[in-house]
Amino acid sequence: MIAKARIQTKYKTEINARGHALIADEPIENGGQNLGPSPGDLLRSALAACTAITLKMYADRKEWNVGAIDVNVEYKKNLDDMEANFHVQVSFENKSLSQEQLIRLEQIANKCPVHKILEKGHEIDVFMSDL
């Protein structure tokens, strides 16, 4: 899988991922035009979406009626060591889930692929080329 990004003016960045077009930008206070989410917003969004999808897939397989699933993700950066702590809050529309179901759903939320990637970390190789 390849995601492509192209920036020409200021900080507005056009992204293409699997044929889906997105815009990323920086907020006005960072010199951007606020035309789309910032890269940090996209990272938090990826974790929120992955968590929601993973939970929905599991609930569907188990035939558990969880109703709508809401996932909020925030992170706090420590600029001294560039470490970020993600805080994921999950809520279910169906408030009658058992304690056992909620415990299992929390375990499943921790298994979402984006969560596992962020938790483990990966080496990133950057090289310059003629694209």
N, C-alpha and C. Protein backbone atom coordinates (compact mmCIF):
# COMPACT_ATOMS: atom_id res chain seq x y z
N MET A 1 0.83 -1.19 0.00
CA MET A 1 0.00 0.00 0.00
C MET A 1 0.87 1.25 0.00
N ILE A 2 0.51 2.18 -0.81
CA ILE A 2 1.24 3.45 -0.87
C ILE A 2 0.25 4.59 -0.68
N ALA A 3 0.62 5.52 0.18
CA ALA A 3 -0.11 6.78 0.29
C ALA A 3 0.80 7.84 -0.32
N LYS A 4 0.22 8.72 -1.11
CA LYS A 4 0.99 9.77 -1.77
C LYS A 4 0.56 11.13 -1.23
N ALA A 5 1.52 12.00 -1.09
CA ALA A 5 1.24 13.37 -0.65
C ALA A 5 1.96 14.33 -1.58
N ARG A 6 1.29 15.43 -1.90
CA ARG A 6 1.90 16.46 -2.75
C ARG A 6 1.56 17.84 -2.17
N ILE A 7 2.61 18.63 -1.97
CA ILE A 7 2.42 19.99 -1.46
C ILE A 7 3.04 20.95 -2.46
N GLN A 8 2.30 22.02 -2.78
CA GLN A 8 2.81 23.01 -3.72
C GLN A 8 2.87 24.40 -3.10
N THR A 9 1.82 24.79 -2.41
CA THR A 9 1.78 26.12 -1.84
C THR A 9 1.43 26.04 -0.36
N LYS A 10 2.06 26.92 0.39
CA LYS A 10 1.86 26.99 1.83
C LYS A 10 1.88 25.58 2.41
N TYR A 11 0.89 25.17 3.20
CA TYR A 11 0.94 23.85 3.83
C TYR A 11 -0.19 22.93 3.39
N LYS A 12 -1.04 23.40 2.48
CA LYS A 12 -2.10 22.54 1.95
C LYS A 12 -1.44 21.36 1.22
N THR A 13 -1.77 20.16 1.65
CA THR A 13 -1.18 18.95 1.10
C THR A 13 -2.28 18.05 0.56
N GLU A 14 -2.15 17.66 -0.69
CA GLU A 14 -3.11 16.75 -1.31
C GLU A 14 -2.60 15.33 -1.10
N ILE A 15 -3.46 14.48 -0.57
CA ILE A 15 -3.11 13.10 -0.26
C ILE A 15 -3.98 12.18 -1.10
N ASN A 16 -3.36 11.10 -1.59
CA ASN A 16 -4.12 10.06 -2.28
C ASN A 16 -3.77 8.74 -1.63
N ALA A 17 -4.79 8.06 -1.13
CA ALA A 17 -4.61 6.75 -0.49
C ALA A 17 -5.65 5.80 -1.07
N ARG A 18 -5.19 4.80 -1.80
CA ARG A 18 -6.07 3.82 -2.44
C ARG A 18 -7.16 4.49 -3.28
N GLY A 19 -6.82 5.57 -3.96
CA GLY A 19 -7.77 6.26 -4.83
C GLY A 19 -8.66 7.26 -4.12
N HIS A 20 -8.49 7.41 -2.81
CA HIS A 20 -9.29 8.38 -2.04
C HIS A 20 -8.48 9.65 -1.86
N ALA A 21 -9.07 10.77 -2.23
CA ALA A 21 -8.39 12.06 -2.12
C ALA A 21 -8.71 12.71 -0.78
N LEU A 22 -7.67 13.20 -0.12
CA LEU A 22 -7.80 13.90 1.15
C LEU A 22 -6.97 15.18 1.10
N ILE A 23 -7.28 16.11 1.95
CA ILE A 23 -6.49 17.32 2.10
C ILE A 23 -6.00 17.39 3.54
N ALA A 24 -4.73 17.65 3.71
CA ALA A 24 -4.17 17.93 5.04
C ALA A 24 -3.64 19.36 5.02
N ASP A 25 -3.66 20.00 6.14
CA ASP A 25 -3.17 21.37 6.25
C ASP A 25 -2.85 21.63 7.71
N GLU A 26 -2.20 22.71 7.95
CA GLU A 26 -1.93 23.15 9.31
C GLU A 26 -2.97 24.19 9.70
N PRO A 27 -3.25 24.29 11.00
CA PRO A 27 -4.17 25.34 11.44
C PRO A 27 -3.57 26.72 11.19
N ILE A 28 -4.41 27.71 11.18
CA ILE A 28 -3.99 29.09 10.91
C ILE A 28 -2.90 29.54 11.87
N GLU A 29 -3.02 29.15 13.15
CA GLU A 29 -2.01 29.58 14.14
C GLU A 29 -0.63 28.97 13.87
N ASN A 30 -0.56 27.94 13.03
CA ASN A 30 0.74 27.36 12.65
C ASN A 30 1.16 27.80 11.25
N GLY A 31 0.46 28.79 10.67
CA GLY A 31 0.82 29.31 9.37
C GLY A 31 0.10 28.66 8.21
N GLY A 32 -0.81 27.71 8.51
CA GLY A 32 -1.56 27.05 7.45
C GLY A 32 -2.84 27.80 7.13
N GLN A 33 -3.67 27.17 6.31
CA GLN A 33 -4.95 27.77 5.92
C GLN A 33 -6.13 27.03 6.54
N ASN A 34 -5.85 25.99 7.33
CA ASN A 34 -6.88 25.19 8.00
C ASN A 34 -7.88 24.59 6.99
N LEU A 35 -7.36 24.11 5.86
CA LEU A 35 -8.21 23.54 4.82
C LEU A 35 -8.50 22.05 5.03
N GLY A 36 -7.86 21.47 6.00
CA GLY A 36 -8.06 20.06 6.31
C GLY A 36 -7.40 19.74 7.63
N PRO A 37 -7.52 18.50 8.06
CA PRO A 37 -6.89 18.11 9.31
C PRO A 37 -5.36 18.17 9.20
N SER A 38 -4.72 18.41 10.32
CA SER A 38 -3.26 18.40 10.35
C SER A 38 -2.77 16.95 10.35
N PRO A 39 -1.49 16.73 10.08
CA PRO A 39 -0.98 15.36 10.16
C PRO A 39 -1.25 14.70 11.52
N GLY A 40 -1.13 15.45 12.59
CA GLY A 40 -1.44 14.91 13.92
C GLY A 40 -2.91 14.53 14.04
N ASP A 41 -3.79 15.36 13.47
CA ASP A 41 -5.22 15.04 13.46
C ASP A 41 -5.47 13.74 12.70
N LEU A 42 -4.77 13.57 11.57
CA LEU A 42 -4.93 12.36 10.77
C LEU A 42 -4.44 11.13 11.53
N LEU A 43 -3.36 11.28 12.29
CA LEU A 43 -2.85 10.17 13.09
C LEU A 43 -3.86 9.77 14.17
N ARG A 44 -4.40 10.75 14.88
CA ARG A 44 -5.43 10.46 15.90
C ARG A 44 -6.67 9.86 15.25
N SER A 45 -7.03 10.38 14.08
CA SER A 45 -8.20 9.86 13.36
C SER A 45 -8.00 8.41 12.94
N ALA A 46 -6.79 8.09 12.52
CA ALA A 46 -6.49 6.70 12.12
C ALA A 46 -6.68 5.76 13.29
N LEU A 47 -6.21 6.14 14.47
CA LEU A 47 -6.37 5.30 15.66
C LEU A 47 -7.84 5.21 16.06
N ALA A 48 -8.57 6.32 16.00
CA ALA A 48 -9.99 6.31 16.36
C ALA A 48 -10.79 5.43 15.40
N ALA A 49 -10.56 5.59 14.11
CA ALA A 49 -11.30 4.81 13.11
C ALA A 49 -10.96 3.33 13.22
N CYS A 50 -9.69 3.00 13.37
CA CYS A 50 -9.27 1.60 13.47
C CYS A 50 -9.88 0.96 14.71
N THR A 51 -9.88 1.66 15.82
CA THR A 51 -10.47 1.13 17.04
C THR A 51 -11.96 0.87 16.85
N ALA A 52 -12.68 1.83 16.28
CA ALA A 52 -14.12 1.67 16.05
C ALA A 52 -14.41 0.50 15.11
N ILE A 53 -13.66 0.40 14.02
CA ILE A 53 -13.89 -0.67 13.05
C ILE A 53 -13.58 -2.03 13.67
N THR A 54 -12.48 -2.12 14.41
CA THR A 54 -12.11 -3.39 15.05
C THR A 54 -13.19 -3.83 16.03
N LEU A 55 -13.69 -2.89 16.83
CA LEU A 55 -14.75 -3.21 17.79
C LEU A 55 -16.04 -3.63 17.09
N LYS A 56 -16.40 -2.93 16.03
CA LYS A 56 -17.63 -3.25 15.29
C LYS A 56 -17.54 -4.63 14.64
N MET A 57 -16.38 -4.94 14.05
CA MET A 57 -16.20 -6.27 13.44
C MET A 57 -16.35 -7.38 14.48
N TYR A 58 -15.74 -7.17 15.64
CA TYR A 58 -15.82 -8.18 16.70
C TYR A 58 -17.26 -8.32 17.21
N ALA A 59 -17.91 -7.20 17.47
CA ALA A 59 -19.29 -7.24 17.96
C ALA A 59 -20.21 -7.91 16.95
N ASP A 60 -20.02 -7.62 15.67
CA ASP A 60 -20.83 -8.25 14.63
C ASP A 60 -20.61 -9.76 14.61
N ARG A 61 -19.35 -10.19 14.73
CA ARG A 61 -19.04 -11.63 14.74
C ARG A 61 -19.70 -12.34 15.91
N LYS A 62 -19.70 -11.66 17.06
CA LYS A 62 -20.30 -12.23 18.28
C LYS A 62 -21.82 -12.02 18.33
N GLU A 63 -22.35 -11.26 17.37
CA GLU A 63 -23.76 -10.90 17.33
C GLU A 63 -24.19 -10.16 18.60
N TRP A 64 -23.30 -9.27 19.05
CA TRP A 64 -23.60 -8.41 20.20
C TRP A 64 -24.16 -7.10 19.67
N ASN A 65 -25.29 -6.69 20.19
CA ASN A 65 -25.88 -5.41 19.80
C ASN A 65 -25.24 -4.31 20.64
N VAL A 66 -24.23 -3.67 20.08
CA VAL A 66 -23.55 -2.60 20.81
C VAL A 66 -24.09 -1.22 20.42
N GLY A 67 -24.89 -1.16 19.36
CA GLY A 67 -25.36 0.12 18.85
C GLY A 67 -24.21 0.90 18.25
N ALA A 68 -24.35 2.19 18.18
CA ALA A 68 -23.28 3.04 17.65
C ALA A 68 -22.08 3.01 18.60
N ILE A 69 -20.90 3.11 18.02
CA ILE A 69 -19.66 3.13 18.80
C ILE A 69 -19.00 4.49 18.58
N ASP A 70 -18.69 5.17 19.66
CA ASP A 70 -17.98 6.45 19.58
C ASP A 70 -16.59 6.28 20.18
N VAL A 71 -15.59 6.76 19.44
CA VAL A 71 -14.20 6.67 19.90
C VAL A 71 -13.59 8.07 19.81
N ASN A 72 -13.07 8.55 20.93
CA ASN A 72 -12.36 9.82 20.98
C ASN A 72 -10.89 9.54 21.29
N VAL A 73 -10.00 10.15 20.53
CA VAL A 73 -8.56 9.96 20.75
C VAL A 73 -7.92 11.33 20.90
N GLU A 74 -7.13 11.47 21.94
CA GLU A 74 -6.30 12.65 22.09
C GLU A 74 -4.90 12.19 22.48
N TYR A 75 -3.93 13.02 22.20
CA TYR A 75 -2.60 12.70 22.71
C TYR A 75 -1.96 13.94 23.25
N LYS A 76 -1.09 13.67 24.18
CA LYS A 76 -0.34 14.75 24.79
C LYS A 76 1.12 14.51 24.47
N LYS A 77 1.75 15.51 23.90
CA LYS A 77 3.15 15.38 23.50
C LYS A 77 4.06 15.90 24.60
N ASN A 78 5.15 15.20 24.79
CA ASN A 78 6.23 15.67 25.63
C ASN A 78 7.34 16.10 24.67
N LEU A 79 7.49 17.38 24.46
CA LEU A 79 8.41 17.89 23.45
C LEU A 79 9.87 17.62 23.80
N ASP A 80 10.16 17.37 25.09
CA ASP A 80 11.54 17.10 25.47
C ASP A 80 12.05 15.80 24.85
N ASP A 81 11.23 14.75 24.87
CA ASP A 81 11.68 13.48 24.32
C ASP A 81 10.81 13.02 23.15
N MET A 82 9.94 13.91 22.64
CA MET A 82 9.07 13.63 21.49
C MET A 82 8.23 12.37 21.69
N GLU A 83 7.88 12.07 22.91
CA GLU A 83 7.03 10.94 23.19
C GLU A 83 5.59 11.44 23.27
N ALA A 84 4.67 10.61 22.81
CA ALA A 84 3.25 10.98 22.86
C ALA A 84 2.49 9.89 23.60
N ASN A 85 1.57 10.30 24.42
CA ASN A 85 0.69 9.37 25.11
C ASN A 85 -0.71 9.53 24.53
N PHE A 86 -1.22 8.44 23.97
CA PHE A 86 -2.55 8.45 23.38
C PHE A 86 -3.57 8.05 24.44
N HIS A 87 -4.68 8.76 24.45
CA HIS A 87 -5.78 8.45 25.35
C HIS A 87 -7.00 8.15 24.48
N VAL A 88 -7.49 6.92 24.57
CA VAL A 88 -8.60 6.45 23.75
C VAL A 88 -9.81 6.24 24.65
N GLN A 89 -10.91 6.93 24.34
CA GLN A 89 -12.15 6.80 25.11
C GLN A 89 -13.20 6.20 24.18
N VAL A 90 -13.77 5.08 24.60
CA VAL A 90 -14.77 4.37 23.81
C VAL A 90 -16.09 4.37 24.55
N SER A 91 -17.17 4.63 23.83
CA SER A 91 -18.51 4.49 24.43
C SER A 91 -19.42 3.79 23.43
N PHE A 92 -20.38 3.08 23.97
CA PHE A 92 -21.33 2.32 23.17
C PHE A 92 -22.73 2.87 23.39
N GLU A 93 -23.49 2.94 22.31
CA GLU A 93 -24.87 3.40 22.41
C GLU A 93 -25.69 2.47 23.30
N ASN A 94 -25.48 1.16 23.16
CA ASN A 94 -26.19 0.19 24.00
C ASN A 94 -25.55 0.19 25.39
N LYS A 95 -26.26 0.71 26.36
CA LYS A 95 -25.74 0.83 27.73
C LYS A 95 -26.01 -0.43 28.56
N SER A 96 -26.61 -1.47 27.95
CA SER A 96 -26.93 -2.68 28.72
C SER A 96 -25.93 -3.81 28.49
N LEU A 97 -24.75 -3.49 27.99
CA LEU A 97 -23.71 -4.51 27.81
C LEU A 97 -23.24 -4.98 29.19
N SER A 98 -22.95 -6.26 29.30
CA SER A 98 -22.50 -6.82 30.58
C SER A 98 -21.06 -6.39 30.87
N GLN A 99 -20.67 -6.52 32.12
CA GLN A 99 -19.29 -6.20 32.50
C GLN A 99 -18.30 -7.09 31.76
N GLU A 100 -18.66 -8.35 31.57
CA GLU A 100 -17.80 -9.29 30.84
C GLU A 100 -17.63 -8.85 29.38
N GLN A 101 -18.73 -8.41 28.77
CA GLN A 101 -18.65 -7.92 27.39
C GLN A 101 -17.76 -6.69 27.30
N LEU A 102 -17.91 -5.76 28.22
CA LEU A 102 -17.10 -4.54 28.21
C LEU A 102 -15.62 -4.85 28.41
N ILE A 103 -15.31 -5.79 29.28
CA ILE A 103 -13.92 -6.18 29.49
C ILE A 103 -13.34 -6.77 28.21
N ARG A 104 -14.11 -7.64 27.56
CA ARG A 104 -13.64 -8.25 26.31
C ARG A 104 -13.49 -7.21 25.22
N LEU A 105 -14.41 -6.28 25.12
CA LEU A 105 -14.32 -5.22 24.10
C LEU A 105 -13.10 -4.33 24.33
N GLU A 106 -12.77 -4.08 25.58
CA GLU A 106 -11.56 -3.30 25.87
C GLU A 106 -10.32 -4.06 25.40
N GLN A 107 -10.30 -5.37 25.62
CA GLN A 107 -9.18 -6.19 25.14
C GLN A 107 -9.09 -6.12 23.62
N ILE A 108 -10.21 -6.19 22.95
CA ILE A 108 -10.24 -6.15 21.49
C ILE A 108 -9.79 -4.78 20.98
N ALA A 109 -10.20 -3.71 21.64
CA ALA A 109 -9.78 -2.36 21.24
C ALA A 109 -8.26 -2.25 21.24
N ASN A 110 -7.61 -2.90 22.18
CA ASN A 110 -6.16 -2.87 22.26
C ASN A 110 -5.48 -3.69 21.17
N LYS A 111 -6.26 -4.43 20.39
CA LYS A 111 -5.70 -5.26 19.32
C LYS A 111 -5.87 -4.63 17.94
N CYS A 112 -6.41 -3.44 17.86
CA CYS A 112 -6.58 -2.83 16.53
C CYS A 112 -5.20 -2.63 15.92
N PRO A 113 -5.07 -2.85 14.61
CA PRO A 113 -3.74 -2.78 13.96
C PRO A 113 -3.02 -1.45 14.15
N VAL A 114 -3.72 -0.34 14.08
CA VAL A 114 -3.05 0.95 14.26
C VAL A 114 -2.55 1.08 15.70
N HIS A 115 -3.33 0.64 16.66
CA HIS A 115 -2.91 0.65 18.06
C HIS A 115 -1.61 -0.14 18.22
N LYS A 116 -1.56 -1.32 17.63
CA LYS A 116 -0.38 -2.17 17.75
C LYS A 116 0.84 -1.53 17.09
N ILE A 117 0.65 -0.88 15.95
CA ILE A 117 1.76 -0.21 15.27
C ILE A 117 2.29 0.94 16.13
N LEU A 118 1.38 1.76 16.65
CA LEU A 118 1.81 2.90 17.45
C LEU A 118 2.46 2.46 18.75
N GLU A 119 1.93 1.41 19.33
CA GLU A 119 2.45 0.91 20.60
C GLU A 119 3.86 0.34 20.45
N LYS A 120 4.08 -0.36 19.37
CA LYS A 120 5.38 -1.00 19.14
C LYS A 120 6.39 -0.05 18.52
N GLY A 121 5.94 0.76 17.61
CA GLY A 121 6.85 1.63 16.88
C GLY A 121 7.53 0.86 15.76
N HIS A 122 7.97 1.54 14.77
CA HIS A 122 8.64 0.92 13.63
C HIS A 122 9.76 1.81 13.14
N GLU A 123 10.72 1.20 12.52
CA GLU A 123 11.79 1.97 11.90
C GLU A 123 11.24 2.59 10.61
N ILE A 124 11.63 3.81 10.36
CA ILE A 124 11.19 4.51 9.15
C ILE A 124 12.43 4.88 8.35
N ASP A 125 12.49 4.43 7.11
CA ASP A 125 13.60 4.75 6.23
C ASP A 125 13.15 5.83 5.26
N VAL A 126 13.89 6.92 5.20
CA VAL A 126 13.58 8.01 4.27
C VAL A 126 14.73 8.10 3.27
N PHE A 127 14.38 8.18 1.98
CA PHE A 127 15.38 8.35 0.96
C PHE A 127 14.85 9.27 -0.11
N MET A 128 15.74 9.97 -0.77
CA MET A 128 15.38 10.92 -1.81
C MET A 128 15.48 10.22 -3.18
N SER A 129 14.48 10.47 -4.02
CA SER A 129 14.54 9.89 -5.35
C SER A 129 13.72 10.74 -6.31
N ASP A 130 13.83 10.45 -7.57
CA ASP A 130 12.97 11.06 -8.58
C ASP A 130 11.71 10.24 -8.65
N LEU A 131 10.61 10.77 -8.11
CA LEU A 131 9.36 10.03 -8.10
C LEU A 131 8.80 10.01 -9.50
